[in-house]
Amino acid sequence: MHVDALETEIQDQVDVARAALLQARAEHDDYLADIHQSQLDALLRTADDHGLRVQTAPEVIDLTVVVRERSAS
């Protein structure tokens, strides 16, 4: 497989894993979130091991959850 094709495939898998992780977190499914986080970590390690460049999105924190939790206290 050509390096560009491999890089594209890894990037696609990273995007899917990241979306699944965010969805699991949004649904408060810690077990599924852990699975998707592990998958994402493995993909990023694989990319790094092979010198591939993948885009990593910054972590987004939903502050509305913090506000709701504080107001419920």
N, C-alpha and C. Protein backbone atom coordinates (compact mmCIF):
# COMPACT_ATOMS: atom_id res chain seq x y z
N MET A 1 0.86 -1.18 0.00
CA MET A 1 0.00 0.00 0.00
C MET A 1 0.90 1.23 0.00
N HIS A 2 0.59 2.17 -0.82
CA HIS A 2 1.34 3.42 -0.92
C HIS A 2 1.17 4.21 0.38
N VAL A 3 2.22 4.94 0.79
CA VAL A 3 2.20 5.68 2.05
C VAL A 3 1.03 6.66 2.11
N ASP A 4 0.76 7.36 1.01
CA ASP A 4 -0.36 8.32 1.00
C ASP A 4 -1.69 7.62 1.24
N ALA A 5 -1.85 6.45 0.63
CA ALA A 5 -3.10 5.69 0.82
C ALA A 5 -3.21 5.20 2.25
N LEU A 6 -2.09 4.75 2.83
CA LEU A 6 -2.11 4.29 4.22
C LEU A 6 -2.42 5.46 5.15
N GLU A 7 -1.81 6.60 4.89
CA GLU A 7 -2.06 7.79 5.72
C GLU A 7 -3.53 8.19 5.65
N THR A 8 -4.10 8.14 4.46
CA THR A 8 -5.52 8.47 4.28
C THR A 8 -6.40 7.48 5.03
N GLU A 9 -6.08 6.20 4.94
CA GLU A 9 -6.87 5.17 5.62
C GLU A 9 -6.80 5.34 7.14
N ILE A 10 -5.60 5.58 7.66
CA ILE A 10 -5.45 5.79 9.10
C ILE A 10 -6.23 7.03 9.53
N GLN A 11 -6.14 8.11 8.74
CA GLN A 11 -6.86 9.35 9.07
C GLN A 11 -8.36 9.09 9.09
N ASP A 12 -8.86 8.34 8.13
CA ASP A 12 -10.29 8.02 8.09
C ASP A 12 -10.70 7.24 9.34
N GLN A 13 -9.87 6.27 9.73
CA GLN A 13 -10.18 5.47 10.93
C GLN A 13 -10.11 6.32 12.20
N VAL A 14 -9.15 7.25 12.24
CA VAL A 14 -9.05 8.17 13.39
C VAL A 14 -10.30 9.02 13.48
N ASP A 15 -10.76 9.54 12.35
CA ASP A 15 -11.96 10.37 12.34
C ASP A 15 -13.18 9.59 12.83
N VAL A 16 -13.32 8.35 12.39
CA VAL A 16 -14.44 7.51 12.81
C VAL A 16 -14.35 7.21 14.31
N ALA A 17 -13.15 6.85 14.77
CA ALA A 17 -12.97 6.54 16.19
C ALA A 17 -13.23 7.76 17.06
N ARG A 18 -12.77 8.93 16.62
CA ARG A 18 -12.99 10.16 17.38
C ARG A 18 -14.48 10.49 17.46
N ALA A 19 -15.19 10.35 16.33
CA ALA A 19 -16.63 10.62 16.32
C ALA A 19 -17.37 9.65 17.25
N ALA A 20 -16.97 8.38 17.21
CA ALA A 20 -17.61 7.38 18.08
C ALA A 20 -17.31 7.69 19.55
N LEU A 21 -16.10 8.14 19.85
CA LEU A 21 -15.74 8.50 21.22
C LEU A 21 -16.58 9.67 21.71
N LEU A 22 -16.71 10.69 20.89
CA LEU A 22 -17.51 11.85 21.28
C LEU A 22 -18.97 11.48 21.48
N GLN A 23 -19.49 10.58 20.64
CA GLN A 23 -20.87 10.14 20.76
C GLN A 23 -21.07 9.36 22.07
N ALA A 24 -20.13 8.47 22.37
CA ALA A 24 -20.23 7.69 23.61
C ALA A 24 -20.17 8.61 24.82
N ARG A 25 -19.30 9.61 24.78
CA ARG A 25 -19.22 10.56 25.89
C ARG A 25 -20.53 11.35 26.02
N ALA A 26 -21.10 11.75 24.88
CA ALA A 26 -22.35 12.51 24.90
C ALA A 26 -23.48 11.68 25.51
N GLU A 27 -23.41 10.37 25.31
CA GLU A 27 -24.43 9.47 25.85
C GLU A 27 -24.06 8.97 27.25
N HIS A 28 -22.97 9.47 27.80
CA HIS A 28 -22.50 9.08 29.15
C HIS A 28 -22.26 7.58 29.27
N ASP A 29 -21.78 6.99 28.18
CA ASP A 29 -21.48 5.56 28.15
C ASP A 29 -19.97 5.40 28.36
N ASP A 30 -19.57 5.32 29.62
CA ASP A 30 -18.14 5.28 29.96
C ASP A 30 -17.45 4.05 29.39
N TYR A 31 -18.12 2.92 29.41
CA TYR A 31 -17.53 1.69 28.89
C TYR A 31 -17.21 1.83 27.41
N LEU A 32 -18.18 2.27 26.63
CA LEU A 32 -17.98 2.44 25.19
C LEU A 32 -16.97 3.54 24.91
N ALA A 33 -16.97 4.59 25.71
CA ALA A 33 -16.00 5.66 25.55
C ALA A 33 -14.58 5.13 25.76
N ASP A 34 -14.40 4.27 26.76
CA ASP A 34 -13.08 3.67 27.00
C ASP A 34 -12.62 2.83 25.81
N ILE A 35 -13.55 2.08 25.25
CA ILE A 35 -13.21 1.25 24.07
C ILE A 35 -12.76 2.14 22.91
N HIS A 36 -13.54 3.19 22.63
CA HIS A 36 -13.20 4.08 21.50
C HIS A 36 -11.93 4.87 21.78
N GLN A 37 -11.69 5.23 23.03
CA GLN A 37 -10.45 5.94 23.37
C GLN A 37 -9.25 5.02 23.14
N SER A 38 -9.37 3.77 23.51
CA SER A 38 -8.29 2.80 23.29
C SER A 38 -8.03 2.61 21.80
N GLN A 39 -9.10 2.54 21.03
CA GLN A 39 -8.97 2.39 19.58
C GLN A 39 -8.27 3.62 19.00
N LEU A 40 -8.68 4.79 19.43
CA LEU A 40 -8.07 6.02 18.94
C LEU A 40 -6.60 6.08 19.32
N ASP A 41 -6.27 5.74 20.56
CA ASP A 41 -4.87 5.72 21.01
C ASP A 41 -4.03 4.78 20.16
N ALA A 42 -4.57 3.59 19.87
CA ALA A 42 -3.84 2.60 19.06
C ALA A 42 -3.60 3.12 17.64
N LEU A 43 -4.60 3.75 17.07
CA LEU A 43 -4.44 4.31 15.72
C LEU A 43 -3.39 5.41 15.69
N LEU A 44 -3.40 6.27 16.69
CA LEU A 44 -2.42 7.35 16.75
C LEU A 44 -1.01 6.80 16.98
N ARG A 45 -0.89 5.75 17.79
CA ARG A 45 0.41 5.09 18.00
C ARG A 45 0.91 4.48 16.70
N THR A 46 0.01 3.81 15.98
CA THR A 46 0.37 3.20 14.71
C THR A 46 0.84 4.25 13.72
N ALA A 47 0.11 5.35 13.64
CA ALA A 47 0.50 6.44 12.73
C ALA A 47 1.88 6.97 13.11
N ASP A 48 2.10 7.18 14.40
CA ASP A 48 3.39 7.70 14.87
C ASP A 48 4.52 6.71 14.59
N ASP A 49 4.27 5.43 14.83
CA ASP A 49 5.28 4.39 14.59
C ASP A 49 5.73 4.36 13.13
N HIS A 50 4.83 4.72 12.22
CA HIS A 50 5.13 4.66 10.80
C HIS A 50 5.41 6.04 10.20
N GLY A 51 5.53 7.04 11.07
CA GLY A 51 5.86 8.38 10.59
C GLY A 51 4.76 9.02 9.76
N LEU A 52 3.52 8.63 10.03
CA LEU A 52 2.38 9.17 9.28
C LEU A 52 1.84 10.40 10.00
N ARG A 53 1.37 11.34 9.23
CA ARG A 53 0.77 12.55 9.80
C ARG A 53 -0.74 12.39 9.80
N VAL A 54 -1.33 12.52 10.98
CA VAL A 54 -2.79 12.52 11.08
C VAL A 54 -3.20 13.76 11.85
N GLN A 55 -4.36 14.26 11.50
CA GLN A 55 -4.90 15.43 12.18
C GLN A 55 -5.53 14.99 13.49
N THR A 56 -5.15 15.64 14.55
CA THR A 56 -5.76 15.36 15.84
C THR A 56 -6.49 16.62 16.26
N ALA A 57 -7.76 16.46 16.52
CA ALA A 57 -8.58 17.60 16.94
C ALA A 57 -8.33 17.87 18.42
N PRO A 58 -8.35 19.12 18.81
CA PRO A 58 -8.20 19.42 20.23
C PRO A 58 -9.41 18.91 21.01
N GLU A 59 -9.18 18.58 22.25
CA GLU A 59 -10.25 18.12 23.13
C GLU A 59 -11.25 19.25 23.33
N VAL A 60 -12.50 18.95 23.17
CA VAL A 60 -13.56 19.94 23.37
C VAL A 60 -14.27 19.61 24.67
N ILE A 61 -14.36 20.58 25.53
CA ILE A 61 -15.02 20.38 26.83
C ILE A 61 -16.37 21.07 26.79
N ASP A 62 -17.43 20.34 27.10
CA ASP A 62 -18.78 20.88 27.12
C ASP A 62 -19.02 21.52 28.48
N LEU A 63 -18.90 22.83 28.54
CA LEU A 63 -19.06 23.54 29.81
C LEU A 63 -20.50 23.58 30.28
N THR A 64 -21.45 23.33 29.41
CA THR A 64 -22.85 23.34 29.84
C THR A 64 -23.12 22.21 30.82
N VAL A 65 -22.38 21.12 30.71
CA VAL A 65 -22.54 20.00 31.64
C VAL A 65 -22.10 20.45 33.03
N VAL A 66 -20.99 21.17 33.11
CA VAL A 66 -20.48 21.66 34.39
C VAL A 66 -21.49 22.61 35.02
N VAL A 67 -22.05 23.49 34.22
CA VAL A 67 -23.03 24.46 34.73
C VAL A 67 -24.26 23.73 35.25
N ARG A 68 -24.77 22.73 34.51
CA ARG A 68 -25.93 21.97 34.96
C ARG A 68 -25.65 21.21 36.24
N GLU A 69 -24.46 20.63 36.34
CA GLU A 69 -24.10 19.88 37.55
C GLU A 69 -24.02 20.80 38.77
N ARG A 70 -23.47 21.97 38.59
CA ARG A 70 -23.35 22.91 39.70
C ARG A 70 -24.72 23.42 40.14
N SER A 71 -25.60 23.68 39.18
CA SER A 71 -26.91 24.20 39.55
C SER A 71 -27.77 23.12 40.22
N ALA A 72 -27.47 21.85 39.96
CA ALA A 72 -28.22 20.76 40.57
C ALA A 72 -27.78 20.53 42.01
N SER A 73 -26.59 21.01 42.36
CA SER A 73 -26.06 20.82 43.73
C SER A 73 -26.72 21.69 44.75
